[in-house]
């Protein structure tokens, strides 16, 4: 199975969104950066107010700082060294990783030009729906239980989940089923995650369109986001996504 490549573009988000993805534990930050270095993952280094970018790699990281491979063009290196805001974007276990440095000093690492910077105090790890898709057949997919009428909790619909992450879900249902239109909000939706637990959250429909399956059946596909999920919900989603990613990697290796 081919893994979808994550675009190394700077991610912009609100303060509330930032808090969802923020990592501030130094040991966890070091661990993530060391894995990126070990796997030689590509790193996009943005400078000049984000208008200029070079591709590089993290060479090493520990509690004392981070070493980044220098650019091949000396002019780029001079501009980077003079920058007071440098944004780094990479990937870690199929999630986008982003952090900012206020300065980077050009030096040498293992006899080669490299930038040295202090360990970032915070790092953003963004796991979003576009970065991981469930590949299980629809017949074995997760189900999202929606109660469209708040005052009538006994009325519920089970909608097929096509992909899921910490950010939200994509749902698919028969064209004659529940209406999933952009702007609609459904509270207290429940999704049972095998071997993990049941999450409960409110969802908002962001987009919706018709699709035709292989049998010619017309269905509605709706992209939804979780509205301010609780810490418990976020933890369960993180655990489930990590479990699915590991299972996907193991299946691809066979």
Foldseek 3Di string as FASTA:
>chain_A
DDFDDDDQADDDDDPLVQVLFKDQPQVVLQVQLAVQQVVQWWKWKAFPVRPDIDIWGWPHGDQFWTKIADDPDVVVRVRQQPAQWMKMWTAGLQWIKIDIFRHWDWDDDPRHIITIGHRGSMMGTGDDFVRDWDPDPQVPAKWKWFDLDVVCNVDIDTWGWGTDALWFTKTKDAPPDDDQAAADKTAQIWIAQPPQGIFTFIKGWHHKDWDADPVRGIMIITTITTDPGDPVNSVSRVVRRSVSSVVVVVVVVD
